[in-house]
Amino acid sequence: MNIREIAKRARVSTATVSRTINRHPSVQPQLAKRLWRIIEELGYFPSTEARALVSGRSRIFGLIVSEITNPFFPELLRVFEETALQNNYEILLTSTVRDPERMKASVRPMLEHRVEGVAVMTFEMEESLLEDLKLRNVPLVFVDVGPPRPRVSNIRIDYLN
């Protein structure tokens, strides 16, 4: 199943199907509704890899946490995911369990999936791993991680309020 088959069935161009899937505002609402009905009937799911190749964007954010079982994380994870979904992004989540080897292993899938940014919620991060992400121009956000660093956004949490 691909967009050519959807376009043929709907009697529209593949470009129109693509714009509909990517929620482009130029597609008339009635047409989009009809196309979404056909897409659902046919059970079509766009390939995120193919979309990334064509658009040059993965629409994936990476999230590295120190320990997923920590009661501090569920609310933050919920907000990250909710915000991502509202903006048509996905979250790639990894947990380091405070193990330096797992930390290294967490960065690799981020690079392989060409994430558009990484939020780091661990106690520390090895400088070489930061450099791997920075060299590929992956925006970084530290959430309560160490001292401020150049080219890394920092978010501090007010634990008292």
C-alpha atoms as a PDB file:
ATOM      1  CA  MET A   1       0.000   0.000   0.000  1.00  0.00           C
ATOM      2  CA  ASN A   2       1.377   3.417  -0.966  1.00  0.00           C
ATOM      3  CA  ILE A   3       0.150   6.914  -1.765  1.00  0.00           C
ATOM      4  CA  ARG A   4      -0.113   6.113  -5.496  1.00  0.00           C
ATOM      5  CA  GLU A   5      -2.817   3.557  -4.745  1.00  0.00           C
ATOM      6  CA  ILE A   6      -4.646   6.017  -2.497  1.00  0.00           C
ATOM      7  CA  ALA A   7      -4.386   8.743  -5.155  1.00  0.00           C
ATOM      8  CA  LYS A   8      -5.712   6.386  -7.841  1.00  0.00           C
ATOM      9  CA  ARG A   9      -8.668   5.335  -5.705  1.00  0.00           C
ATOM     10  CA  ALA A  10      -9.457   8.947  -4.734  1.00  0.00           C
ATOM     11  CA  ARG A  11      -8.825  10.253  -8.285  1.00  0.00           C
ATOM     12  CA  VAL A  12      -6.378  12.884  -7.073  1.00  0.00           C
ATOM     13  CA  SER A  13      -2.645  13.437  -7.470  1.00  0.00           C
ATOM     14  CA  THR A  14      -0.057  11.829  -5.214  1.00  0.00           C
ATOM     15  CA  ALA A  15       0.929  15.372  -4.221  1.00  0.00           C
ATOM     16  CA  THR A  16      -2.587  15.965  -2.872  1.00  0.00           C
ATOM     17  CA  VAL A  17      -2.440  12.735  -0.871  1.00  0.00           C
ATOM     18  CA  SER A  18       0.979  13.710   0.481  1.00  0.00           C
ATOM     19  CA  ARG A  19      -0.206  17.188   1.469  1.00  0.00           C
ATOM     20  CA  THR A  20      -3.218  15.638   3.208  1.00  0.00           C
ATOM     21  CA  ILE A  21      -1.079  13.177   5.174  1.00  0.00           C
ATOM     22  CA  ASN A  22       1.255  16.011   6.175  1.00  0.00           C
ATOM     23  CA  ARG A  23      -1.746  18.158   7.152  1.00  0.00           C
ATOM     24  CA  HIS A  24      -0.864  20.970   4.781  1.00  0.00           C
ATOM     25  CA  PRO A  25      -3.392  23.827   5.036  1.00  0.00           C
ATOM     26  CA  SER A  26      -3.776  24.091   1.236  1.00  0.00           C
ATOM     27  CA  VAL A  27      -5.933  20.926   1.133  1.00  0.00           C
ATOM     28  CA  GLN A  28      -9.639  21.712   1.280  1.00  0.00           C
ATOM     29  CA  PRO A  29     -11.240  20.283   4.456  1.00  0.00           C
ATOM     30  CA  GLN A  30     -13.852  18.236   2.547  1.00  0.00           C
ATOM     31  CA  LEU A  31     -11.196  16.687   0.319  1.00  0.00           C
ATOM     32  CA  ALA A  32      -8.958  15.960   3.303  1.00  0.00           C
ATOM     33  CA  LYS A  33     -11.857  14.254   5.073  1.00  0.00           C
ATOM     34  CA  ARG A  34     -12.543  12.071   2.008  1.00  0.00           C
ATOM     35  CA  LEU A  35      -8.869  11.174   1.667  1.00  0.00           C
ATOM     36  CA  TRP A  36      -8.530  10.310   5.365  1.00  0.00           C
ATOM     37  CA  ARG A  37     -11.541   8.012   5.037  1.00  0.00           C
ATOM     38  CA  ILE A  38      -9.854   6.199   2.114  1.00  0.00           C
ATOM     39  CA  ILE A  39      -6.524   6.086   3.973  1.00  0.00           C
ATOM     40  CA  GLU A  40      -8.235   4.464   6.962  1.00  0.00           C
ATOM     41  CA  GLU A  41     -10.244   2.041   4.794  1.00  0.00           C
ATOM     42  CA  LEU A  42      -7.063   0.860   3.114  1.00  0.00           C
ATOM     43  CA  GLY A  43      -5.168   0.644   6.405  1.00  0.00           C
ATOM     44  CA  TYR A  44      -2.360   2.850   5.142  1.00  0.00           C
ATOM     45  CA  PHE A  45       0.352   4.057   7.508  1.00  0.00           C
ATOM     46  CA  PRO A  46       3.052   6.373   6.183  1.00  0.00           C
ATOM     47  CA  SER A  47       6.632   5.181   6.509  1.00  0.00           C
ATOM     48  CA  THR A  48       8.432   7.526   8.870  1.00  0.00           C
ATOM     49  CA  GLU A  49      11.739   6.603   7.235  1.00  0.00           C
ATOM     50  CA  ALA A  50      10.457   7.481   3.759  1.00  0.00           C
ATOM     51  CA  ARG A  51       9.005  10.757   5.016  1.00  0.00           C
ATOM     52  CA  ALA A  52      12.319  11.636   6.627  1.00  0.00           C
ATOM     53  CA  LEU A  53      14.196  10.924   3.400  1.00  0.00           C
ATOM     54  CA  VAL A  54      11.869  13.066   1.299  1.00  0.00           C
ATOM     55  CA  SER A  55      11.434  15.952   3.725  1.00  0.00           C
ATOM     56  CA  GLY A  56      14.844  15.848   5.372  1.00  0.00           C
ATOM     57  CA  ARG A  57      13.048  15.870   8.740  1.00  0.00           C
ATOM     58  CA  SER A  58      12.386  12.899  10.999  1.00  0.00           C
ATOM     59  CA  ARG A  59       9.692  14.570  13.132  1.00  0.00           C
ATOM     60  CA  ILE A  60      11.181  12.668  16.076  1.00  0.00           C
ATOM     61  CA  PHE A  61      12.447  14.112  19.341  1.00  0.00           C
ATOM     62  CA  GLY A  62      14.786  12.131  21.545  1.00  0.00           C
ATOM     63  CA  LEU A  63      14.321  11.942  25.276  1.00  0.00           C
ATOM     64  CA  ILE A  64      17.029  10.443  27.495  1.00  0.00           C
ATOM     65  CA  VAL A  65      16.083   9.836  31.126  1.00  0.00           C
ATOM     66  CA  SER A  66      18.218   8.408  33.905  1.00  0.00           C
ATOM     67  CA  GLU A  67      15.688   5.989  35.318  1.00  0.00           C
ATOM     68  CA  ILE A  68      12.212   5.492  33.920  1.00  0.00           C
ATOM     69  CA  THR A  69      10.957   4.116  37.240  1.00  0.00           C
ATOM     70  CA  ASN A  70      11.788   7.356  39.058  1.00  0.00           C
ATOM     71  CA  PRO A  71       8.433   8.876  40.165  1.00  0.00           C
ATOM     72  CA  PHE A  72       9.718  12.280  39.042  1.00  0.00           C
ATOM     73  CA  PHE A  73       9.485  11.403  35.328  1.00  0.00           C
ATOM     74  CA  PRO A  74       5.915  10.308  34.482  1.00  0.00           C
ATOM     75  CA  GLU A  75       4.410  13.805  34.513  1.00  0.00           C
ATOM     76  CA  LEU A  76       7.317  15.252  32.523  1.00  0.00           C
ATOM     77  CA  LEU A  77       7.092  12.408  30.014  1.00  0.00           C
ATOM     78  CA  ARG A  78       3.349  12.953  29.649  1.00  0.00           C
ATOM     79  CA  VAL A  79       3.871  16.646  28.896  1.00  0.00           C
ATOM     80  CA  PHE A  80       6.681  15.933  26.417  1.00  0.00           C
ATOM     81  CA  GLU A  81       4.581  13.355  24.597  1.00  0.00           C
ATOM     82  CA  GLU A  82       1.448  15.501  24.586  1.00  0.00           C
ATOM     83  CA  THR A  83       3.361  18.478  23.191  1.00  0.00           C
ATOM     84  CA  ALA A  84       5.036  16.297  20.569  1.00  0.00           C
ATOM     85  CA  LEU A  85       1.735  14.798  19.418  1.00  0.00           C
ATOM     86  CA  GLN A  86       0.112  18.221  19.165  1.00  0.00           C
ATOM     87  CA  ASN A  87       2.910  19.184  16.779  1.00  0.00           C
ATOM     88  CA  ASN A  88       2.941  15.911  14.783  1.00  0.00           C
ATOM     89  CA  TYR A  89       6.157  14.650  16.345  1.00  0.00           C
ATOM     90  CA  GLU A  90       7.053  11.326  17.881  1.00  0.00           C
ATOM     91  CA  ILE A  91       9.202  10.691  20.949  1.00  0.00           C
ATOM     92  CA  LEU A  92      12.117   8.266  21.027  1.00  0.00           C
ATOM     93  CA  LEU A  93      12.617   7.440  24.705  1.00  0.00           C
ATOM     94  CA  THR A  94      15.670   5.783  26.232  1.00  0.00           C
ATOM     95  CA  SER A  95      16.548   5.100  29.858  1.00  0.00           C
ATOM     96  CA  THR A  96      20.155   4.966  31.038  1.00  0.00           C
ATOM     97  CA  VAL A  97      19.518   3.441  34.482  1.00  0.00           C
ATOM     98  CA  ARG A  98      22.529   5.537  35.520  1.00  0.00           C
ATOM     99  CA  ASP A  99      24.882   3.267  33.593  1.00  0.00           C
ATOM    100  CA  PRO A 100      27.549   5.001  31.425  1.00  0.00           C
ATOM    101  CA  GLU A 101      27.399   2.173  28.860  1.00  0.00           C
ATOM    102  CA  ARG A 102      23.621   2.503  28.594  1.00  0.00           C
ATOM    103  CA  MET A 103      24.104   6.257  28.191  1.00  0.00           C
ATOM    104  CA  LYS A 104      26.352   5.626  25.180  1.00  0.00           C
ATOM    105  CA  ALA A 105      23.834   3.124  23.844  1.00  0.00           C
ATOM    106  CA  SER A 106      21.065   5.731  24.275  1.00  0.00           C
ATOM    107  CA  VAL A 107      22.719   8.235  21.968  1.00  0.00           C
ATOM    108  CA  ARG A 108      23.167   5.811  19.060  1.00  0.00           C
ATOM    109  CA  PRO A 109      19.437   5.348  18.230  1.00  0.00           C
ATOM    110  CA  MET A 110      19.011   9.111  18.455  1.00  0.00           C
ATOM    111  CA  LEU A 111      21.603   9.552  15.723  1.00  0.00           C
ATOM    112  CA  GLU A 112      20.310   6.617  13.672  1.00  0.00           C
ATOM    113  CA  HIS A 113      16.770   8.018  13.674  1.00  0.00           C
ATOM    114  CA  ARG A 114      18.065  11.517  12.895  1.00  0.00           C
ATOM    115  CA  VAL A 115      16.148  13.067  15.771  1.00  0.00           C
ATOM    116  CA  GLU A 116      15.453  16.773  15.466  1.00  0.00           C
ATOM    117  CA  GLY A 117      16.383  17.448  19.071  1.00  0.00           C
ATOM    118  CA  VAL A 118      17.221  15.680  22.314  1.00  0.00           C
ATOM    119  CA  ALA A 119      16.059  16.481  25.833  1.00  0.00           C
ATOM    120  CA  VAL A 120      18.369  15.025  28.470  1.00  0.00           C
ATOM    121  CA  MET A 121      17.056  14.283  31.955  1.00  0.00           C
ATOM    122  CA  THR A 122      19.947  12.448  33.576  1.00  0.00           C
ATOM    123  CA  PHE A 123      22.334  13.378  36.348  1.00  0.00           C
ATOM    124  CA  GLU A 124      25.263  13.801  33.990  1.00  0.00           C
ATOM    125  CA  MET A 125      26.297  13.205  30.402  1.00  0.00           C
ATOM    126  CA  GLU A 126      29.694  12.376  29.000  1.00  0.00           C
ATOM    127  CA  GLU A 127      31.233  15.221  27.000  1.00  0.00           C
ATOM    128  CA  SER A 128      32.063  12.969  24.016  1.00  0.00           C
ATOM    129  CA  LEU A 129      28.389  12.023  23.682  1.00  0.00           C
ATOM    130  CA  LEU A 130      27.405  15.676  23.700  1.00  0.00           C
ATOM    131  CA  GLU A 131      29.942  16.306  20.966  1.00  0.00           C
ATOM    132  CA  ASP A 132      28.494  13.472  18.850  1.00  0.00           C
ATOM    133  CA  LEU A 133      25.106  15.190  18.969  1.00  0.00           C
ATOM    134  CA  LYS A 134      26.487  18.716  18.522  1.00  0.00           C
ATOM    135  CA  LEU A 135      28.583  17.684  15.487  1.00  0.00           C
ATOM    136  CA  ARG A 136      25.370  16.606  13.789  1.00  0.00           C
ATOM    137  CA  ASN A 137      23.680  19.876  14.765  1.00  0.00           C
ATOM    138  CA  VAL A 138      21.160  18.131  17.006  1.00  0.00           C
ATOM    139  CA  PRO A 139      19.660  20.738  19.344  1.00  0.00           C
ATOM    140  CA  LEU A 140      20.066  19.779  22.996  1.00  0.00           C
ATOM    141  CA  VAL A 141      18.020  20.668  26.038  1.00  0.00           C
ATOM    142  CA  PHE A 142      19.193  19.745  29.512  1.00  0.00           C
ATOM    143  CA  VAL A 143      16.441  19.425  32.091  1.00  0.00           C
ATOM    144  CA  ASP A 144      18.106  19.920  35.468  1.00  0.00           C
ATOM    145  CA  VAL A 145      21.433  18.489  34.254  1.00  0.00           C
ATOM    146  CA  GLY A 146      24.700  19.966  35.472  1.00  0.00           C
ATOM    147  CA  PRO A 147      25.926  23.512  34.912  1.00  0.00           C
ATOM    148  CA  PRO A 148      24.912  25.576  31.859  1.00  0.00           C
ATOM    149  CA  ARG A 149      26.957  24.807  28.733  1.00  0.00           C
ATOM    150  CA  PRO A 150      27.446  26.586  25.434  1.00  0.00           C
ATOM    151  CA  ARG A 151      25.075  25.552  22.618  1.00  0.00           C
ATOM    152  CA  VAL A 152      22.851  23.650  25.069  1.00  0.00           C
ATOM    153  CA  SER A 153      19.538  24.993  26.328  1.00  0.00           C
ATOM    154  CA  ASN A 154      18.982  24.495  30.040  1.00  0.00           C
ATOM    155  CA  ILE A 155      15.715  24.137  31.909  1.00  0.00           C
ATOM    156  CA  ARG A 156      15.783  24.324  35.687  1.00  0.00           C
ATOM    157  CA  ILE A 157      12.970  22.939  37.793  1.00  0.00           C
ATOM    158  CA  ASP A 158      11.762  24.824  40.828  1.00  0.00           C
ATOM    159  CA  TYR A 159      11.263  21.997  43.308  1.00  0.00           C
ATOM    160  CA  LEU A 160       9.881  24.315  45.976  1.00  0.00           C
ATOM    161  CA  ASN A 161       6.897  25.607  44.009  1.00  0.00           C
END
